[in-house]
Protein backbone atom coordinates (compact mmCIF):
# COMPACT_ATOMS: atom_id res chain seq x y z
CA MET A 1 0.00 0.00 0.00
CA MET A 2 2.85 2.41 0.76
CA TYR A 3 4.52 1.68 -2.58
CA LEU A 4 1.31 2.18 -4.55
CA THR A 5 0.66 5.45 -2.72
CA TYR A 6 4.19 6.58 -3.55
CA VAL A 7 3.73 5.76 -7.24
CA ARG A 8 0.34 7.46 -7.31
CA ASN A 9 1.84 10.69 -5.94
CA CYS A 10 4.75 10.65 -8.41
CA LYS A 11 2.60 11.17 -11.48
CA PHE A 12 3.65 14.82 -11.72
CA VAL A 13 6.98 16.11 -10.43
CA ALA A 14 7.59 19.83 -10.09
CA PRO A 15 9.96 21.95 -7.97
CA SER A 16 7.15 22.44 -5.45
CA THR A 17 6.35 18.71 -5.12
CA LEU A 18 9.90 17.32 -5.43
CA PRO A 19 10.77 17.62 -1.69
CA ALA A 20 7.65 15.64 -0.75
CA VAL A 21 8.46 12.96 -3.33
CA ARG A 22 12.01 12.64 -2.02
CA PHE A 23 10.77 12.43 1.56
CA MET A 24 8.33 9.65 0.63
CA ARG A 25 11.07 7.77 -1.25
CA GLN A 26 13.51 8.02 1.64
CA SER A 27 10.88 6.88 4.14
CA LEU A 28 9.87 3.93 1.98
CA THR A 29 13.52 3.00 1.46
CA GLU A 30 14.05 2.84 5.20
CA MET A 31 10.93 0.71 5.58
CA PHE A 32 12.18 -1.83 3.02
CA ALA A 33 15.61 -1.87 4.68
CA LEU A 34 14.17 -2.99 8.05
CA ASP A 35 13.61 -6.58 6.93
CA GLU A 36 15.37 -7.58 3.70
CA ALA A 37 14.00 -11.12 3.69
CA ALA A 38 10.40 -9.90 3.78
CA SER A 39 11.13 -7.06 1.34
CA TYR A 40 12.64 -9.34 -1.30
CA ARG A 41 9.23 -10.58 -2.43
CA HIS A 42 7.88 -7.05 -2.88
CA VAL A 43 11.01 -5.71 -4.59
CA PHE A 44 11.18 -8.70 -6.95
CA LEU A 45 7.50 -8.33 -7.86
CA TYR A 46 7.66 -4.63 -8.74
CA VAL A 47 11.06 -4.81 -10.48
CA ARG A 48 9.60 -7.60 -12.63
CA GLN A 49 6.60 -5.40 -13.38
CA LEU A 50 8.90 -2.62 -14.60
CA ALA A 51 10.74 -5.14 -16.80
CA ILE A 52 7.43 -6.27 -18.36
CA HIS A 53 6.50 -2.68 -19.24
CA LEU A 54 9.92 -2.14 -20.80
CA ARG A 55 9.79 -5.39 -22.78
CA THR A 56 6.35 -4.48 -24.15
CA ALA A 57 7.59 -1.06 -25.24
CA ILE A 58 10.64 -2.55 -26.98
CA THR A 59 8.72 -5.27 -28.84
CA LEU A 60 5.64 -3.28 -29.89
CA CYS A 61 7.25 0.20 -30.32
CA LYS A 62 3.88 1.92 -30.02
CA LYS A 63 3.38 5.37 -28.64
CA GLU A 64 1.22 4.31 -25.69
CA ASN A 65 3.69 1.57 -24.71
CA ILE A 66 6.63 3.97 -24.83
CA GLN A 67 4.68 6.45 -22.74
CA ALA A 68 4.12 3.70 -20.16
CA VAL A 69 7.91 3.71 -19.66
CA TYR A 70 8.85 7.33 -20.28
CA ASN A 71 6.90 8.89 -17.43
CA TRP A 72 7.63 10.06 -13.90
CA GLN A 73 5.99 7.07 -12.20
CA PHE A 74 8.33 4.63 -13.97
CA VAL A 75 11.42 6.78 -13.36
CA GLN A 76 10.62 7.42 -9.71
CA SER A 77 10.11 3.67 -9.21
CA LEU A 78 13.60 3.09 -10.60
CA HIS A 79 14.88 5.77 -8.21
CA LEU A 80 13.24 3.99 -5.29
CA TRP A 81 14.72 0.56 -6.04
CA THR A 82 18.10 2.14 -6.72
CA GLU A 83 18.12 3.64 -3.24
CA VAL A 84 16.84 0.42 -1.67
CA LEU A 85 19.62 -1.70 -3.22
CA GLY A 86 22.19 1.00 -2.46
CA MET A 87 21.21 1.16 1.21
CA THR A 88 21.25 -2.64 1.60
CA ALA A 89 24.48 -3.14 -0.37
CA HIS A 90 26.27 -4.72 2.60
CA ARG A 91 23.48 -7.29 3.06
CA PRO A 92 23.16 -10.30 0.75
CA HIS A 93 19.36 -10.67 0.58
CA LEU A 94 18.50 -8.05 -2.08
CA GLN A 95 21.73 -8.05 -4.06
CA PRO A 96 20.55 -10.68 -6.63
CA LEU A 97 18.15 -8.01 -7.89
CA LEU A 98 21.00 -5.64 -8.76
CA TYR A 99 21.68 -7.10 -12.21
CA PRO A 100 18.04 -7.03 -13.47
CA LEU A 101 17.59 -3.48 -12.16
CA VAL A 102 20.72 -2.31 -14.02
CA GLN A 103 19.49 -3.99 -17.20
CA ILE A 104 16.12 -2.23 -16.89
CA ILE A 105 17.80 1.16 -16.47
CA ILE A 106 20.06 0.56 -19.48
CA GLY A 107 17.08 -0.60 -21.55
CA THR A 108 15.21 2.56 -20.57
CA ILE A 109 18.10 4.68 -21.88
CA LYS A 110 18.24 2.79 -25.19
CA LEU A 111 14.48 2.80 -25.82
CA VAL A 112 14.35 6.26 -27.48
CA PRO A 113 17.94 7.61 -27.67
CA THR A 114 17.07 11.04 -29.06
CA ALA A 115 18.00 14.53 -27.92
CA GLN A 116 14.47 15.18 -26.68
CA TYR A 117 14.94 12.58 -23.95
CA TYR A 118 18.40 13.65 -22.81
CA PRO A 119 17.03 14.68 -19.38
CA LEU A 120 15.66 11.16 -18.86
CA ARG A 121 19.01 9.72 -19.96
CA PHE A 122 20.80 11.81 -17.34
CA HIS A 123 18.36 10.63 -14.66
CA CYS A 124 19.06 7.00 -15.56
CA ALA A 125 22.83 7.57 -15.76
CA GLN A 126 22.74 9.12 -12.29
CA MET A 127 21.04 5.96 -10.96
CA LEU A 128 23.78 3.78 -12.49
CA ILE A 129 26.48 5.97 -10.95
CA GLN A 130 24.75 5.76 -7.58
CA LEU A 131 24.50 1.96 -7.76
CA SER A 132 28.14 1.66 -8.81
CA LYS A 133 29.36 3.85 -5.95
CA GLN A 134 27.22 2.30 -3.20
CA THR A 135 27.52 -1.36 -4.16
CA GLY A 136 31.13 -1.30 -5.39
CA THR A 137 30.07 -3.01 -8.64
CA PHE A 138 31.57 -1.98 -11.96
CA ILE A 139 28.84 -0.66 -14.27
CA PRO A 140 29.83 0.70 -17.72
CA VAL A 141 28.27 4.15 -17.46
CA LEU A 142 30.74 6.08 -19.63
CA PRO A 143 29.29 5.04 -23.05
CA PHE A 144 25.82 6.33 -22.13
CA ILE A 145 27.21 9.69 -21.00
CA LEU A 146 29.64 10.22 -23.89
CA GLU A 147 27.04 9.17 -26.46
CA VAL A 148 25.44 12.58 -25.90
CA LEU A 149 28.49 14.35 -27.37
CA SER A 150 28.27 12.45 -30.65
CA GLY A 151 24.47 12.31 -30.82
CA TYR A 152 23.94 16.07 -31.05
CA ASN A 153 25.68 18.75 -33.11
CA PHE A 154 26.92 21.33 -30.62
CA ASN A 155 28.37 23.47 -33.43
CA LYS A 156 24.88 24.12 -34.76
CA PRO A 157 23.89 27.74 -34.06
CA HIS A 158 20.96 28.21 -31.73
CA LYS A 159 17.79 29.97 -32.85
CA LYS A 160 16.63 31.15 -29.44
CA VAL A 161 18.45 32.75 -26.54
CA SER A 162 17.72 31.85 -22.93
CA MET A 163 18.95 33.81 -19.94
CA LYS A 164 20.27 30.80 -18.01
CA PRO A 165 20.88 27.05 -18.55
CA GLN A 166 17.93 24.73 -18.34
CA ASP A 167 17.41 22.67 -15.20
CA PHE A 168 16.80 18.97 -15.89
CA THR A 169 15.82 18.12 -12.31
CA CYS A 170 12.07 18.10 -12.97
CA ILE A 171 12.16 17.42 -16.73
CA LEU A 172 12.08 14.14 -18.65
CA ARG A 173 11.37 15.37 -22.17
CA LEU A 174 12.24 18.57 -24.00
CA SER A 175 10.10 20.34 -26.56
CA LYS A 176 11.34 21.33 -30.01
CA SER A 177 11.54 24.98 -29.00
CA GLN A 178 13.67 24.12 -25.96
CA LEU A 179 16.09 22.19 -28.19
CA GLN A 180 16.72 25.37 -30.17
CA GLU A 181 17.82 27.40 -27.15
CA ASN A 182 21.42 27.95 -26.17
CA GLY A 183 20.48 27.03 -22.59
CA PHE A 184 19.88 23.46 -23.72
CA LYS A 185 23.46 23.03 -24.94
CA ASP A 186 24.83 24.69 -21.80
CA ALA A 187 22.83 22.36 -19.55
CA VAL A 188 23.86 19.24 -21.52
CA ILE A 189 27.57 20.08 -21.37
CA GLU A 190 27.25 20.85 -17.66
CA LYS A 191 25.53 17.51 -17.01
CA VAL A 192 28.11 15.58 -19.04
CA TYR A 193 30.89 17.30 -17.12
CA GLN A 194 29.25 16.62 -13.76
CA GLN A 195 28.46 12.94 -14.34
CA LEU A 196 31.82 12.17 -15.95
CA LEU A 197 33.62 13.73 -13.02
CA GLU A 198 31.47 11.99 -10.42
CA TYR A 199 31.75 8.53 -11.97
CA LEU A 200 35.47 8.70 -12.76
CA ALA A 201 36.25 10.06 -9.29
CA SER A 202 34.62 6.96 -7.78
CA GLU A 203 36.76 4.74 -10.05
CA ALA A 204 39.96 6.80 -9.79
CA HIS A 205 41.61 4.46 -7.27
CA THR A 206 40.99 1.21 -9.14
CA ILE A 207 43.88 -0.69 -10.67
CA CYS A 208 42.12 -0.85 -14.05
CA PHE A 209 41.49 2.90 -14.33
CA PRO A 210 44.00 3.57 -17.18
CA ASP A 211 42.37 0.83 -19.25
CA THR A 212 38.83 1.96 -18.45
CA VAL A 213 39.27 5.51 -19.73
CA VAL A 214 40.98 4.75 -23.05
CA ALA A 215 37.80 5.00 -25.14
CA ALA A 216 36.55 7.96 -23.11
CA SER A 217 39.80 9.88 -23.68
CA ILE A 218 39.59 9.28 -27.45
CA GLN A 219 36.00 10.58 -27.60
CA LEU A 220 36.81 13.62 -25.48
CA LYS A 221 39.83 14.49 -27.61
CA LYS A 222 37.71 14.23 -30.74
CA PHE A 223 35.02 16.50 -29.29
CA VAL A 224 37.53 19.10 -28.06
CA LYS A 225 39.16 19.16 -31.50
CA GLU A 226 35.91 19.51 -33.48
CA CYS A 227 33.93 21.76 -31.13
CA LYS A 228 33.87 25.40 -32.20
CA SER A 229 32.57 26.72 -28.89
CA ALA A 230 35.46 27.77 -26.69
CA ASN A 231 33.45 27.39 -23.46
CA TYR A 232 32.44 23.80 -24.20
CA SER A 233 35.86 22.66 -25.39
CA ARG A 234 37.59 24.36 -22.45
CA LYS A 235 35.31 22.66 -19.94
CA LEU A 236 35.75 19.15 -21.32
CA LYS A 237 39.47 19.70 -21.92
CA GLN A 238 39.85 20.34 -18.21
CA ILE A 239 38.34 16.99 -17.27
CA LEU A 240 40.40 15.30 -20.01
CA GLU A 241 43.59 16.64 -18.46
CA LYS A 242 42.51 15.38 -15.03
CA ILE A 243 41.78 11.93 -16.46
CA GLU A 244 45.19 11.71 -18.11
CA GLU A 245 46.93 12.93 -14.94
CA ASN A 246 45.13 10.34 -12.81
CA ALA A 247 45.89 7.57 -15.33
CA ARG A 248 49.61 8.39 -15.18
CA VAL A 249 49.56 8.18 -11.37
CA ILE A 250 47.82 4.77 -11.45
CA GLU A 251 50.25 3.44 -14.06
CA LEU A 252 53.19 4.60 -11.95
CA GLU A 253 51.84 2.93 -8.82
CA ARG A 254 50.84 -0.17 -10.78
CA SER A 255 54.37 -0.62 -12.07
CA LYS A 256 55.63 -1.05 -8.49
CA VAL A 257 53.39 -3.98 -7.52
CA SER A 258 54.65 -7.54 -7.30
CA PHE A 259 51.39 -9.50 -6.89
CA SER A 260 49.52 -11.15 -9.75
CA LEU A 261 46.17 -10.08 -11.15
CA SER A 262 44.54 -13.24 -9.81
CA ASP A 263 45.28 -12.23 -6.20
CA ARG A 264 42.02 -10.45 -5.45
CA LYS A 265 42.80 -9.73 -1.79
CA ALA A 266 46.08 -8.02 -2.66
CA ILE A 267 44.35 -5.91 -5.30
CA ASP A 268 41.65 -4.83 -2.84
CA ALA A 269 44.26 -3.86 -0.27
CA TRP A 270 46.24 -1.91 -2.88
CA GLU A 271 43.13 -0.03 -4.04
CA THR A 272 42.06 0.75 -0.48
CA ASN A 273 45.48 2.14 0.36
CA LEU A 274 45.50 4.27 -2.79
CA LYS A 275 42.00 5.56 -2.05
CA LEU A 276 43.02 6.63 1.44
CA ASN A 277 46.09 8.46 0.13
CA GLY A 278 43.96 10.24 -2.47
CA THR A 279 44.12 10.46 -6.24
CA PRO A 280 44.32 13.66 -8.34
CA LEU A 281 40.88 13.13 -9.84
CA ALA A 282 39.21 12.38 -6.50
CA ILE A 283 40.80 15.42 -4.85
CA PHE A 284 39.67 17.66 -7.71
CA TYR A 285 36.14 16.25 -7.50
CA GLU A 286 35.90 16.95 -3.76
CA SER A 287 36.82 20.60 -4.21
CA TRP A 288 34.46 20.96 -7.18
CA ASN A 289 31.61 19.21 -5.39
CA LYS A 290 31.68 21.67 -2.49
CA VAL A 291 31.08 24.59 -4.84
CA ASN A 292 28.46 22.63 -6.77
CA LEU A 293 26.49 21.76 -3.64
CA GLN A 294 26.41 25.42 -2.62
CA GLN A 295 25.07 26.40 -6.04
CA MET A 296 22.44 23.66 -5.90
CA ALA A 297 21.34 24.84 -2.45
CA LYS A 298 20.98 28.40 -3.75
CA ARG A 299 18.86 27.23 -6.66
CA ALA A 300 16.72 25.00 -4.46
CA THR A 301 16.02 27.71 -1.88
CA ASN A 302 15.89 30.57 -4.39
CA ASN A 303 18.57 32.26 -2.28
CA ASP A 304 19.49 34.84 -4.88
CA LYS A 305 16.08 36.44 -4.56
CA LEU A 306 15.69 35.77 -0.85
CA GLY A 307 18.92 37.63 -0.18
CA GLU A 308 17.08 40.88 -0.72
CA TYR A 309 14.53 39.91 1.96
CA ASN A 310 11.77 41.11 -0.38
CA ILE A 311 12.18 44.72 0.74
CA PRO A 312 10.50 47.07 -1.74
CA THR A 313 12.77 49.61 -3.33
CA LEU A 314 11.50 53.15 -3.73
CA LYS A 315 12.81 55.25 -6.55
CA LYS A 316 12.84 59.01 -6.16
CA HIS A 317 13.09 61.25 -9.18
CA GLU A 318 15.56 64.02 -8.63
CA LYS A 319 14.38 67.50 -9.57
CA LYS A 320 16.58 70.13 -11.02
CA ARG A 321 17.00 72.78 -8.37
CA THR A 322 18.12 76.18 -9.45
CA ASN A 323 17.66 77.83 -6.08
CA PRO A 324 19.71 76.37 -3.22
CA GLN A 325 16.94 77.30 -0.81
CA ASP A 326 14.64 74.70 -2.45
CA ASP A 327 16.74 71.87 -1.07
CA ASP A 328 14.83 70.15 1.72
CA GLY A 329 17.95 68.55 3.17
CA PRO A 330 18.74 64.85 3.70
CA VAL A 331 15.96 62.28 4.13
CA GLU A 332 15.49 61.26 7.75
CA LEU A 333 14.99 57.51 7.92
CA PHE A 334 14.39 57.22 11.67
CA PRO A 335 12.63 60.35 13.03
CA SER A 336 13.07 61.31 16.65
CA SER A 337 10.42 60.61 19.29
CA ASP A 338 9.70 64.35 19.73
CA GLU A 339 7.65 64.37 16.54
CA SER A 340 3.90 63.94 16.51
CA ASP A 341 2.25 60.63 15.74
CA GLU A 342 1.34 61.81 12.28
CA ASP A 343 4.96 62.41 11.32
CA VAL A 344 6.35 59.12 12.61
CA GLY A 345 7.42 56.76 9.82
CA LEU A 346 9.86 56.39 6.99
CA THR A 347 9.88 59.54 4.93
CA LEU A 348 11.30 57.90 1.81
CA SER A 349 8.69 59.16 -0.62
CA SER A 350 9.26 62.37 -2.52
CA PRO A 351 7.33 65.50 -1.47
CA PRO A 352 3.97 65.94 -3.17
CA LYS A 353 3.98 67.91 -6.34
CA LYS A 354 2.37 71.32 -6.43
CA LYS A 355 -0.99 71.43 -8.11
CA LYS A 356 -1.22 73.30 -11.34
CA ARG A 357 -3.28 76.43 -11.48
CA GLY A 358 -6.80 75.95 -12.67
CA THR A 359 -7.00 72.24 -11.63
CA ARG A 360 -8.74 70.48 -8.80
CA GLY A 361 -6.27 67.72 -7.94
CA ARG A 362 -6.33 64.29 -9.59
CA LYS A 363 -10.10 63.98 -9.96
CA GLY A 364 -10.47 67.37 -11.58
CA ARG A 365 -7.32 67.17 -13.71
CA GLY A 366 -7.95 68.63 -17.15
CA LYS A 367 -11.32 70.15 -16.16
CA VAL A 368 -11.78 73.93 -15.85
CA GLN A 369 -13.51 75.19 -12.73
CA LYS A 370 -16.32 77.56 -13.67
CA MET A 371 -16.67 80.75 -11.69
CA SER A 372 -19.50 83.21 -11.68
CA VAL A 373 -19.16 86.98 -11.84
CA GLU A 374 -19.97 87.31 -8.14
CA ASP A 375 -17.05 85.02 -7.26
CA THR A 376 -14.57 87.32 -8.92
CA GLU A 377 -14.91 89.85 -6.16
CA ASN A 378 -13.31 87.45 -3.67
CA VAL A 379 -10.43 86.51 -5.96
CA PRO A 380 -7.05 87.59 -4.55
CA SER A 381 -4.91 90.03 -6.40
CA GLY A 382 -2.79 88.55 -9.13
CA GLU A 383 -5.39 85.99 -10.17
CA GLU A 384 -7.95 88.30 -11.85
CA ASP A 385 -6.43 87.76 -15.29
CA ILE A 386 -6.90 84.00 -14.91
CA VAL A 387 -10.53 84.47 -13.92
CA GLN A 388 -11.17 86.68 -16.94
CA ASP A 389 -9.62 84.08 -19.22
CA LEU A 390 -11.84 81.38 -17.78
CA GLN A 391 -14.93 83.50 -18.26
CA LEU A 392 -14.07 84.28 -21.87
CA SER A 393 -13.44 80.61 -22.62
CA ASP A 394 -16.82 79.69 -21.15
CA PHE A 395 -18.64 82.03 -23.54
CA LYS A 396 -16.90 80.43 -26.46
């Protein structure tokens, strides 16, 4: 019942509902982790159900079957079982389900490998990275990340301009108009950079690291050479240099060993020792991740706008003063207590403008006030000419 309620509430994911979805997923993960033997039956049943949906979509290739896989309920279910198997990695009961879950995630990536579904691809790649890090199992994630660089032409000029990169956190599919924005290419390169760095940093201490990154280095060199955008090539060239530096360190340490490749215990001890000492790629990732987490927290809490504390700003138009006596002096923000109750407050607003002659404030603006002949006797000196003009205009 808890799982079905979770799936029912994951039909739509937005920035406002994402915290509640994550809280439900974390709570349900802890519930399944209490008793792995009893949870195996439930996890097996629902992982098998996901596999059936995926198999139907692959065999039939119909729109409704593909939509049964490419939706938030399916993706959030994969997220849930990824966290369940990651939390119970040190227990043997649920680990037989790791291989079928990885195959389902890979099949989901390959179902529709187009640029419109790049956000969904990054969601699935993040699950594979999480499973690889938490379970210590080698999962070939690099081909699915680097396929993005060859599957889309980043030299193609964009037709629309966006103010900032797109956020793929609450997106699975992009529209055709979003694909034409420059923010799409910025977000894709940023995601490729982030996931490459995170995955390779988790594998940086392994004895097979120089052999693992051979194909990745070739693809990155090709992209850096052909890409015409200096920002994109500079960003991926940085991670390429870190990969080559880390590979040289591993090759140097690997040349000093005396044990054979069949000695698994000696290899584990060597990798653990190297991980504790630190590798160049892992150290670089730790420093980068601190800055990235701060930026993610700002985006999640909208801190850039909250930093102003929503205080309204008042703009005052400066008047040209020819007479120095017209200057009212500096604005007093905090008046003294000697003033009357009517004067207490922030006097930030500009002084009221003088009314024009012949008008009656805002309501009577543009309307001429009619005066009778008897009223002209009470008119002060200096205003008789104006009264005569008004009377003449009335007769016209």
